[in-house]
């Protein structure tokens, strides 16, 4: 058992014992006060037996009361209700405590203890005073066990309850600790929910949150490993080509210019690749949350379209842009620019020759929505979600364009838009081509 179990166990045990002792002591003292006040028993048992015997005297006289007491259930426990006449003698010949009789008559005179002391007239005309002396309060129905036994029973029950309750509370925490240790040792498949079971409380919610964290951690670590593998693969190719160019320059001096040109191109590709990797790393690590400003979406799109139009025209493509609304979002202009530019450049790269890339800014569902459609081959349905993975490229048999790239553009765009409460969805447009829908939840339309 852990330390938490013993803390809960002793804390609950002491609390229950104190509560039980307090309540039991109060009940005991109250019972004693009722038994001994004025020398006459006045608890509910006394009221009951005095009332029953009084009715017997009223309707059947002393003989009826004698028969009732003799036939009382449990002969040795019959209540010692005194039936005292005007002379101060008990009608059944029992000893009458003078002090108790005096207090009983005084209570009748002052109208007190009406249910515990009664004056009753018999059919013969005699009047009797009926009461149960405090010394006889234990007569009648069986009483509770002695205080010592009650304390032992209460102590045992409190200890048993405390042990069960402490185990119930501390067991999930022990499971959580054991699973966290397994995670720290590298077992990323360890989960705590199967051990906690179907209990429905905050500890169960904590276990579910822990499992969610573990799953997210496993995903991140797997993504990191895959990213390192992909980065090393992407870096190896240009580095290998640069080394080859250096070897050619060394062995064939007449081809130095060609080798230097190759090295320059590969250096530019490395610089571009490292820049995209750095941007992706900053987005996934949350380092791009500072420097927010008001960014006009329509103005930013116009600026990007103006820049990429020259590239589109040089490749025999055009851009058709229409803005139905004006919208503004709070965020980082450079990140949004990179997201839109990556998507638009992809559309220009994959659209068919002599076709147009259609861009529209509209207020779909009362939210700023950017629709970008090309007229290229599109993407197979089963690949639509995979293209957001860093360095993912379509398999050669599914890529009809065989266009070059690093597979980072859409990954960067999706994460940059997510930082601005935006979503990026891909779908194949009717009639061919890819339709990209970018929608912002917290942007202002005007």
Protein backbone atom coordinates (compact mmCIF):
# COMPACT_ATOMS: atom_id res chain seq x y z
CA UNK A 1 0.00 0.00 0.00
CA UNK A 2 1.25 3.48 -0.84
CA UNK A 3 1.47 6.55 1.32
CA UNK A 4 -1.76 7.98 -0.08
CA UNK A 5 -3.64 4.86 1.00
CA UNK A 6 -2.45 5.16 4.60
CA UNK A 7 -3.17 8.88 4.70
CA UNK A 8 -6.71 8.27 3.46
CA UNK A 9 -7.12 5.24 5.71
CA UNK A 10 -6.08 6.93 8.96
CA UNK A 11 -7.77 10.21 8.08
CA UNK A 12 -11.11 8.57 7.34
CA UNK A 13 -10.81 6.20 10.33
CA UNK A 14 -10.11 8.98 12.82
CA UNK A 15 -12.87 11.13 11.33
CA UNK A 16 -15.44 8.33 11.49
CA UNK A 17 -14.42 7.32 15.02
CA UNK A 18 -14.70 10.90 16.26
CA UNK A 19 -18.05 11.37 14.56
CA UNK A 20 -19.33 8.07 15.91
CA UNK A 21 -18.05 8.81 19.42
CA UNK A 22 -19.58 12.26 19.36
CA UNK A 23 -22.98 11.10 18.17
CA UNK A 24 -22.96 8.03 20.41
CA UNK A 25 -21.93 10.07 23.45
CA UNK A 26 -24.62 12.64 22.77
CA UNK A 27 -27.28 9.95 22.41
CA UNK A 28 -26.08 8.18 25.56
CA UNK A 29 -26.08 11.37 27.63
CA UNK A 30 -29.49 12.34 26.29
CA UNK A 31 -30.82 8.87 27.19
CA UNK A 32 -29.38 9.13 30.67
CA UNK A 33 -30.96 12.55 31.14
CA UNK A 34 -34.32 11.20 30.05
CA UNK A 35 -33.96 8.23 32.36
CA UNK A 36 -32.92 10.16 35.44
CA UNK A 37 -34.63 13.54 35.19
CA UNK A 38 -36.92 13.90 38.21
CA UNK A 39 -36.38 10.20 38.99
CA UNK A 40 -38.95 9.19 36.38
CA UNK A 41 -38.30 7.55 33.02
CA UNK A 42 -39.65 9.73 30.23
CA UNK A 43 -38.30 8.26 27.03
CA UNK A 44 -40.52 6.79 24.31
CA UNK A 45 -40.46 3.31 25.80
CA UNK A 46 -41.68 4.67 29.11
CA UNK A 47 -44.44 6.68 27.41
CA UNK A 48 -45.54 3.58 25.53
CA UNK A 49 -45.71 1.13 28.45
CA UNK A 50 -47.28 3.69 30.81
CA UNK A 51 -49.95 4.42 28.19
CA UNK A 52 -50.71 0.70 27.66
CA UNK A 53 -50.97 -0.05 31.40
CA UNK A 54 -53.11 3.11 31.93
CA UNK A 55 -55.63 1.88 29.34
CA UNK A 56 -55.74 -1.50 31.07
CA UNK A 57 -56.48 0.15 34.45
CA UNK A 58 -59.07 2.49 32.92
CA UNK A 59 -61.12 -0.27 31.33
CA UNK A 60 -60.30 -3.40 33.33
CA UNK A 61 -59.15 -2.11 36.69
CA UNK A 62 -56.14 -3.33 38.65
CA UNK A 63 -56.92 -6.94 37.78
CA UNK A 64 -56.65 -6.13 34.07
CA UNK A 65 -53.33 -4.35 34.58
CA UNK A 66 -52.02 -7.31 36.63
CA UNK A 67 -52.99 -9.75 33.86
CA UNK A 68 -51.37 -7.50 31.22
CA UNK A 69 -48.05 -7.28 33.09
CA UNK A 70 -48.02 -11.01 33.82
CA UNK A 71 -48.59 -11.83 30.13
CA UNK A 72 -46.16 -9.18 28.84
CA UNK A 73 -43.91 -10.61 26.08
CA UNK A 74 -40.74 -11.80 27.77
CA UNK A 75 -41.86 -12.40 31.33
CA UNK A 76 -38.62 -11.42 32.96
CA UNK A 77 -38.60 -8.14 31.04
CA UNK A 78 -42.10 -6.88 31.91
CA UNK A 79 -42.07 -3.11 32.63
CA UNK A 80 -42.26 -2.14 36.34
CA UNK A 81 -45.02 0.45 35.90
CA UNK A 82 -46.17 1.51 39.36
CA UNK A 83 -49.92 1.84 39.96
CA UNK A 84 -50.10 4.05 43.07
CA UNK A 85 -53.38 4.77 44.89
CA UNK A 86 -54.25 7.85 46.92
CA UNK A 87 -52.58 6.29 49.99
CA UNK A 88 -49.24 6.00 48.21
CA UNK A 89 -49.33 2.24 47.89
CA UNK A 90 -48.79 0.24 44.75
CA UNK A 91 -51.92 -1.68 43.75
CA UNK A 92 -49.75 -4.73 42.97
CA UNK A 93 -47.91 -4.61 46.27
CA UNK A 94 -44.56 -3.36 44.92
CA UNK A 95 -42.28 -0.91 46.70
CA UNK A 96 -42.88 2.72 45.77
CA UNK A 97 -39.83 5.07 45.91
CA UNK A 98 -41.07 8.05 47.97
CA UNK A 99 -38.96 10.57 46.05
CA UNK A 100 -40.18 9.31 42.67
CA UNK A 101 -43.82 9.37 43.87
CA UNK A 102 -43.42 12.91 45.15
CA UNK A 103 -41.98 14.08 41.83
CA UNK A 104 -44.67 12.25 39.88
CA UNK A 105 -47.45 14.01 41.85
CA UNK A 106 -45.66 17.32 41.44
CA UNK A 107 -45.40 16.76 37.68
CA UNK A 108 -49.14 16.07 37.52
CA UNK A 109 -49.89 19.19 39.59
CA UNK A 110 -47.81 21.41 37.29
CA UNK A 111 -48.94 19.74 34.06
CA UNK A 112 -45.54 18.31 33.15
CA UNK A 113 -44.55 14.86 31.83
CA UNK A 114 -48.10 14.29 30.59
CA UNK A 115 -47.14 11.19 28.59
CA UNK A 116 -44.80 9.64 31.16
CA UNK A 117 -46.97 10.20 34.28
CA UNK A 118 -50.72 9.60 34.14
CA UNK A 119 -53.63 9.84 36.57
CA UNK A 120 -56.22 7.18 35.70
CA UNK A 121 -59.61 6.32 37.15
CA UNK A 122 -60.53 2.66 37.47
CA UNK A 123 -64.09 1.31 36.89
CA UNK A 124 -64.39 0.89 40.67
CA UNK A 125 -63.99 4.64 41.15
CA UNK A 126 -60.44 4.53 42.54
CA UNK A 127 -57.84 6.88 41.11
CA UNK A 128 -54.27 5.81 40.51
CA UNK A 129 -51.05 7.52 39.49
CA UNK A 130 -49.02 5.53 36.96
CA UNK A 131 -45.32 6.11 36.19
CA UNK A 132 -42.14 4.19 35.48
CA UNK A 133 -39.30 4.90 37.94
CA UNK A 134 -35.92 5.71 36.38
CA UNK A 135 -34.38 2.66 38.04
CA UNK A 136 -36.75 0.50 36.03
CA UNK A 137 -36.12 2.18 32.68
CA UNK A 138 -34.26 -0.85 31.42
CA UNK A 139 -37.42 -2.94 31.80
CA UNK A 140 -39.35 -3.54 28.65
CA UNK A 141 -38.07 -4.19 25.16
CA UNK A 142 -34.43 -5.29 24.83
CA UNK A 143 -32.04 -2.36 24.93
CA UNK A 144 -28.95 -1.67 22.82
CA UNK A 145 -25.61 -3.35 23.62
CA UNK A 146 -23.44 -1.78 26.31
CA UNK A 147 -21.44 1.34 25.27
CA UNK A 148 -18.16 -0.60 25.19
CA UNK A 149 -19.48 -3.11 22.67
CA UNK A 150 -21.00 -0.31 20.61
CA UNK A 151 -17.62 1.45 20.47
CA UNK A 152 -15.86 -1.73 19.33
CA UNK A 153 -18.46 -2.33 16.60
CA UNK A 154 -18.27 1.29 15.44
CA UNK A 155 -14.45 1.18 15.42
CA UNK A 156 -14.38 -2.04 13.37
CA UNK A 157 -16.97 -0.71 10.90
CA UNK A 158 -15.09 2.60 10.48
CA UNK A 159 -11.76 0.82 9.89
CA UNK A 160 -13.33 -1.53 7.34
CA UNK A 161 -15.06 1.31 5.52
CA UNK A 162 -11.89 3.42 5.54
CA UNK A 163 -9.82 0.55 4.13
CA UNK A 164 -12.29 -0.07 1.29
CA UNK A 165 -12.68 3.63 0.48
CA UNK A 166 -8.94 4.33 0.63
CA UNK A 167 -8.26 1.37 -1.68
CA UNK A 168 -10.94 2.60 -4.08
CA UNK A 169 -9.33 6.04 -4.29
CA UNK A 170 -5.66 5.09 -4.30
CA UNK A 171 -5.74 2.14 -6.74
CA UNK A 172 -6.19 4.26 -9.92
CA UNK A 173 -3.33 6.51 -8.83
CA UNK A 174 -1.06 3.47 -8.40
CA UNK A 175 -2.05 2.32 -11.90
CA UNK A 176 -1.35 5.79 -13.24
CA UNK A 177 2.07 5.85 -11.63
CA UNK A 178 2.96 2.40 -13.00
CA UNK A 179 1.89 3.31 -16.53
CA UNK A 180 3.75 6.64 -16.43
CA UNK A 181 6.89 4.72 -15.45
CA UNK A 182 6.43 2.41 -18.43
CA UNK A 183 6.01 5.41 -20.71
CA UNK A 184 9.17 6.98 -19.33
CA UNK A 185 11.00 3.71 -20.06
CA UNK A 186 9.95 3.88 -23.72
CA UNK A 187 6.81 1.72 -23.79
CA UNK A 188 4.63 4.11 -25.81
CA UNK A 189 1.77 1.59 -26.07
CA UNK A 190 1.09 1.61 -22.30
CA UNK A 191 -2.40 2.84 -21.39
CA UNK A 192 -4.12 3.24 -18.02
CA UNK A 193 -7.84 3.13 -18.94
CA UNK A 194 -8.03 -0.70 -19.22
CA UNK A 195 -6.67 -0.94 -15.66
CA UNK A 196 -9.01 1.67 -14.16
CA UNK A 197 -12.10 0.00 -15.58
CA UNK A 198 -15.57 1.47 -15.99
CA UNK A 199 -15.67 3.73 -12.93
CA UNK A 200 -17.26 7.08 -13.76
CA UNK A 201 -15.53 9.81 -11.77
CA UNK A 202 -12.72 12.38 -11.93
CA UNK A 203 -10.04 9.71 -11.60
CA UNK A 204 -11.47 7.92 -14.63
CA UNK A 205 -11.43 11.22 -16.53
CA UNK A 206 -7.83 11.72 -15.45
CA UNK A 207 -6.98 8.28 -16.83
CA UNK A 208 -8.63 9.10 -20.15
CA UNK A 209 -6.77 12.42 -20.35
CA UNK A 210 -3.52 10.59 -19.53
CA UNK A 211 -4.17 8.08 -22.32
CA UNK A 212 -4.96 10.93 -24.72
CA UNK A 213 -1.66 12.56 -23.75
CA UNK A 214 0.17 9.26 -24.22
CA UNK A 215 -1.40 8.75 -27.65
CA UNK A 216 -0.53 12.30 -28.67
CA UNK A 217 3.00 11.83 -27.37
CA UNK A 218 3.34 8.58 -29.31
CA UNK A 219 2.13 10.31 -32.46
CA UNK A 220 4.54 13.20 -32.00
CA UNK A 221 7.50 10.92 -31.38
CA UNK A 222 6.64 8.76 -34.38
CA UNK A 223 6.25 11.90 -36.49
CA UNK A 224 9.57 13.18 -35.22
CA UNK A 225 11.29 9.92 -36.13
CA UNK A 226 9.68 9.94 -39.54
CA UNK A 227 10.60 13.59 -40.00
CA UNK A 228 14.24 12.91 -39.12
CA UNK A 229 14.25 10.02 -41.59
CA UNK A 230 12.69 12.14 -44.33
CA UNK A 231 14.96 15.13 -43.66
CA UNK A 232 18.05 12.94 -43.81
CA UNK A 233 16.80 11.42 -47.04
CA UNK A 234 16.03 14.80 -48.61
CA UNK A 235 19.37 16.28 -47.56
CA UNK A 236 21.36 13.29 -48.75
CA UNK A 237 20.41 13.72 -52.42
CA UNK A 238 21.58 17.34 -52.97
CA UNK A 239 24.67 16.75 -50.86
CA UNK A 240 25.51 13.71 -52.95
CA UNK A 241 25.09 15.73 -56.15
CA UNK A 242 27.29 18.51 -54.79
CA UNK A 243 30.02 16.01 -53.92
CA UNK A 244 29.72 14.55 -57.40
CA UNK A 245 30.10 18.03 -58.91
CA UNK A 246 33.19 18.65 -56.78
CA UNK A 247 34.68 15.35 -57.97
CA UNK A 248 34.01 16.26 -61.62
CA UNK A 249 35.65 19.66 -61.15
CA UNK A 250 38.70 18.05 -59.61
CA UNK A 251 39.06 15.39 -62.29
CA UNK A 252 38.03 17.48 -65.32
CA UNK A 253 39.19 21.09 -64.99
CA UNK A 254 37.44 22.02 -68.24
CA UNK A 255 34.05 21.32 -66.58
CA UNK A 256 34.60 23.54 -63.52
CA UNK A 257 32.01 26.07 -64.66
CA UNK A 258 29.39 23.37 -65.12
CA UNK A 259 30.22 21.89 -61.72
CA UNK A 260 29.99 25.28 -60.01
CA UNK A 261 26.59 25.86 -61.61
CA UNK A 262 25.39 22.51 -60.28
CA UNK A 263 26.74 23.29 -56.82
CA UNK A 264 24.98 26.67 -56.88
CA UNK A 265 21.63 25.11 -57.85
CA UNK A 266 21.93 22.42 -55.20
CA UNK A 267 22.85 25.06 -52.60
CA UNK A 268 19.71 27.02 -53.47
CA UNK A 269 17.63 23.87 -53.12
CA UNK A 270 19.22 23.13 -49.76
CA UNK A 271 18.54 26.67 -48.63
CA UNK A 272 14.90 26.41 -49.70
CA UNK A 273 14.50 23.00 -48.07
CA UNK A 274 16.06 24.10 -44.79
CA UNK A 275 13.87 27.20 -44.78
CA UNK A 276 10.73 25.10 -45.15
CA UNK A 277 11.89 22.65 -42.49
CA UNK A 278 12.56 25.52 -40.10
CA UNK A 279 9.13 27.01 -40.77
CA UNK A 280 7.46 23.64 -40.17
CA UNK A 281 9.42 23.11 -36.96
CA UNK A 282 8.45 26.56 -35.67
CA UNK A 283 4.78 25.92 -36.42
CA UNK A 284 4.72 22.52 -34.71
CA UNK A 285 6.64 23.78 -31.65
CA UNK A 286 4.40 26.82 -31.16
CA UNK A 287 7.16 29.40 -31.62
CA UNK A 288 5.13 31.39 -34.15
CA UNK A 289 2.52 32.85 -31.81
CA UNK A 290 4.03 36.30 -31.29
CA UNK A 291 3.68 39.51 -33.28
CA UNK A 292 -0.03 39.30 -34.16
CA UNK A 293 -1.62 42.02 -36.27
CA UNK A 294 -4.75 42.74 -38.27
CA UNK A 295 -4.36 41.14 -41.69
CA UNK A 296 -6.71 41.90 -44.60
CA UNK A 297 -7.33 38.59 -46.37
CA UNK A 298 -8.49 40.15 -49.65
CA UNK A 299 -5.51 42.52 -49.84
CA UNK A 300 -3.07 39.71 -49.04
CA UNK A 301 -4.58 37.51 -51.78
CA UNK A 302 -4.34 40.34 -54.32
CA UNK A 303 -0.70 40.88 -53.42
CA UNK A 304 0.17 37.18 -53.74
CA UNK A 305 -1.73 36.82 -57.03
CA UNK A 306 0.11 39.82 -58.45
CA UNK A 307 3.45 38.20 -57.56
CA UNK A 308 2.72 34.71 -58.91
CA UNK A 309 0.93 35.87 -62.08
CA UNK A 310 4.26 36.35 -63.85
CA UNK A 311 5.21 32.76 -63.01
CA UNK A 312 1.83 31.48 -64.22
CA UNK A 313 2.00 33.39 -67.51
CA UNK A 314 5.53 32.14 -68.17
CA UNK A 315 4.18 28.59 -68.00
CA UNK A 316 1.11 29.26 -70.14
CA UNK A 317 -1.39 29.48 -67.25
CA UNK A 318 -3.61 32.28 -65.96
CA UNK A 319 -5.22 33.22 -62.64
CA UNK A 320 -8.87 34.26 -62.29
CA UNK A 321 -9.57 36.01 -58.98
CA UNK A 322 -12.84 37.31 -57.58
CA UNK A 323 -13.53 38.72 -54.11
CA UNK A 324 -17.19 38.81 -53.02
CA UNK A 325 -16.37 40.15 -49.55
CA UNK A 326 -13.68 41.87 -47.57
CA UNK A 327 -12.36 40.08 -44.52
CA UNK A 328 -9.84 40.62 -41.76
CA UNK A 329 -8.16 38.17 -39.42
CA UNK A 330 -5.82 38.65 -36.48
CA UNK A 331 -2.52 36.83 -36.86
CA UNK A 332 0.87 36.86 -38.55
CA UNK A 333 0.94 38.22 -42.05
CA UNK A 334 4.03 36.30 -43.13
CA UNK A 335 2.63 32.94 -42.02
CA UNK A 336 -0.67 33.56 -43.82
CA UNK A 337 1.20 34.69 -46.89
CA UNK A 338 3.27 31.52 -46.90
CA UNK A 339 0.15 29.36 -46.49
CA UNK A 340 -1.78 31.00 -49.35
CA UNK A 341 1.29 31.16 -51.57
CA UNK A 342 2.09 27.46 -51.11
CA UNK A 343 -1.44 26.45 -52.08
CA UNK A 344 -1.66 28.84 -55.04
CA UNK A 345 1.78 27.86 -56.38
CA UNK A 346 0.78 24.19 -56.12
CA UNK A 347 -2.37 24.94 -58.12
CA UNK A 348 -0.32 26.74 -60.82
CA UNK A 349 2.16 23.85 -60.93
CA UNK A 350 -0.47 21.12 -61.36
CA UNK A 351 -3.12 22.83 -63.49
CA UNK A 352 -3.22 21.89 -67.17
CA UNK A 353 -1.47 23.97 -69.80
CA UNK A 354 -3.49 26.93 -71.14
CA UNK A 355 -5.92 26.59 -68.19
CA UNK A 356 -6.80 28.99 -65.40
CA UNK A 357 -6.48 28.71 -61.63
CA UNK A 358 -9.74 30.00 -60.15
CA UNK A 359 -9.51 31.82 -56.81
CA UNK A 360 -12.55 33.20 -55.02
CA UNK A 361 -13.02 34.91 -51.65
CA UNK A 362 -16.58 34.44 -50.39
CA UNK A 363 -18.57 34.49 -47.15
CA UNK A 364 -19.62 30.84 -47.14
CA UNK A 365 -21.59 29.92 -43.98
CA UNK A 366 -21.01 33.49 -42.74
CA UNK A 367 -17.28 32.75 -42.52
CA UNK A 368 -14.52 34.04 -44.80
CA UNK A 369 -13.79 31.21 -47.25
CA UNK A 370 -11.10 31.06 -49.92
CA UNK A 371 -11.77 28.61 -52.77
CA UNK A 372 -8.82 27.68 -55.00
CA UNK A 373 -9.42 25.36 -57.93
CA UNK A 374 -7.05 24.10 -60.58
CA UNK A 375 -7.72 22.01 -63.68
CA UNK A 376 -5.09 19.38 -63.11
CA UNK A 377 -5.36 15.63 -62.54
CA UNK A 378 -6.49 15.99 -58.92
CA UNK A 379 -5.52 13.62 -56.10
CA UNK A 380 -6.80 10.07 -55.52
CA UNK A 381 -9.44 10.05 -52.79
CA UNK A 382 -7.41 7.77 -50.51
CA UNK A 383 -4.48 10.20 -50.68
CA UNK A 384 -6.34 13.43 -49.82
CA UNK A 385 -5.50 13.36 -46.12
CA UNK A 386 -2.01 11.91 -46.48
CA UNK A 387 -0.65 14.88 -48.44
CA UNK A 388 -0.66 16.97 -45.26
CA UNK A 389 2.08 14.78 -43.80
CA UNK A 390 5.55 16.36 -44.03
CA UNK A 391 7.63 15.05 -46.96
CA UNK A 392 4.75 12.97 -48.25
CA UNK A 393 4.52 12.73 -52.01
CA UNK A 394 2.18 10.71 -54.16
CA UNK A 395 3.50 7.31 -55.25
CA UNK A 396 4.88 7.41 -58.81
CA UNK A 397 2.03 5.28 -60.13
CA UNK A 398 -0.54 7.78 -58.76
CA UNK A 399 1.31 11.00 -59.61
CA UNK A 400 0.39 11.80 -63.22
CA UNK A 401 2.41 15.02 -63.33
CA UNK A 402 5.68 13.78 -61.80
CA UNK A 403 6.23 17.35 -60.57
CA UNK A 404 9.18 18.00 -58.29
CA UNK A 405 8.85 19.19 -54.71
CA UNK A 406 9.68 18.38 -51.12
CA UNK A 407 6.19 17.56 -49.87
CA UNK A 408 6.21 20.36 -47.27
CA UNK A 409 3.99 23.02 -48.86
CA UNK A 410 0.59 21.67 -47.78
CA UNK A 411 1.93 20.60 -44.37
CA UNK A 412 3.16 24.15 -43.71
CA UNK A 413 -0.07 25.68 -45.05
CA UNK A 414 -2.30 23.49 -42.88
CA UNK A 415 -0.35 24.22 -39.68
CA UNK A 416 -0.11 27.95 -40.42
CA UNK A 417 -3.87 28.17 -40.97
CA UNK A 418 -4.51 26.16 -37.81
CA UNK A 419 -2.61 28.84 -35.87
CA UNK A 420 -5.18 31.33 -37.20
CA UNK A 421 -8.28 29.23 -36.36
CA UNK A 422 -8.52 28.22 -39.98
CA UNK A 423 -9.11 24.93 -41.75
CA UNK A 424 -7.78 23.59 -45.05
CA UNK A 425 -9.76 20.92 -46.90
CA UNK A 426 -9.04 19.20 -50.19
CA UNK A 427 -11.53 17.63 -52.58
CA UNK A 428 -11.64 16.64 -56.20
CA UNK A 429 -13.73 19.11 -58.16
CA UNK A 430 -16.50 17.93 -60.50
CA UNK A 431 -15.13 17.83 -64.01
CA UNK A 432 -11.54 17.36 -62.86
CA UNK A 433 -9.01 19.31 -60.89
CA UNK A 434 -8.42 19.87 -57.20
CA UNK A 435 -10.56 22.17 -55.05
CA UNK A 436 -8.95 23.68 -51.94
CA UNK A 437 -11.27 25.23 -49.33
CA UNK A 438 -9.71 27.50 -46.70
CA UNK A 439 -12.10 28.79 -44.03
CA UNK A 440 -11.54 31.02 -40.98
CA UNK A 441 -13.64 30.76 -37.82
CA UNK A 442 -12.55 33.97 -36.07
CA UNK A 443 -12.19 36.38 -38.98
CA UNK A 444 -14.27 39.53 -39.41
CA UNK A 445 -16.32 40.01 -42.57
CA UNK A 446 -17.19 43.52 -43.74
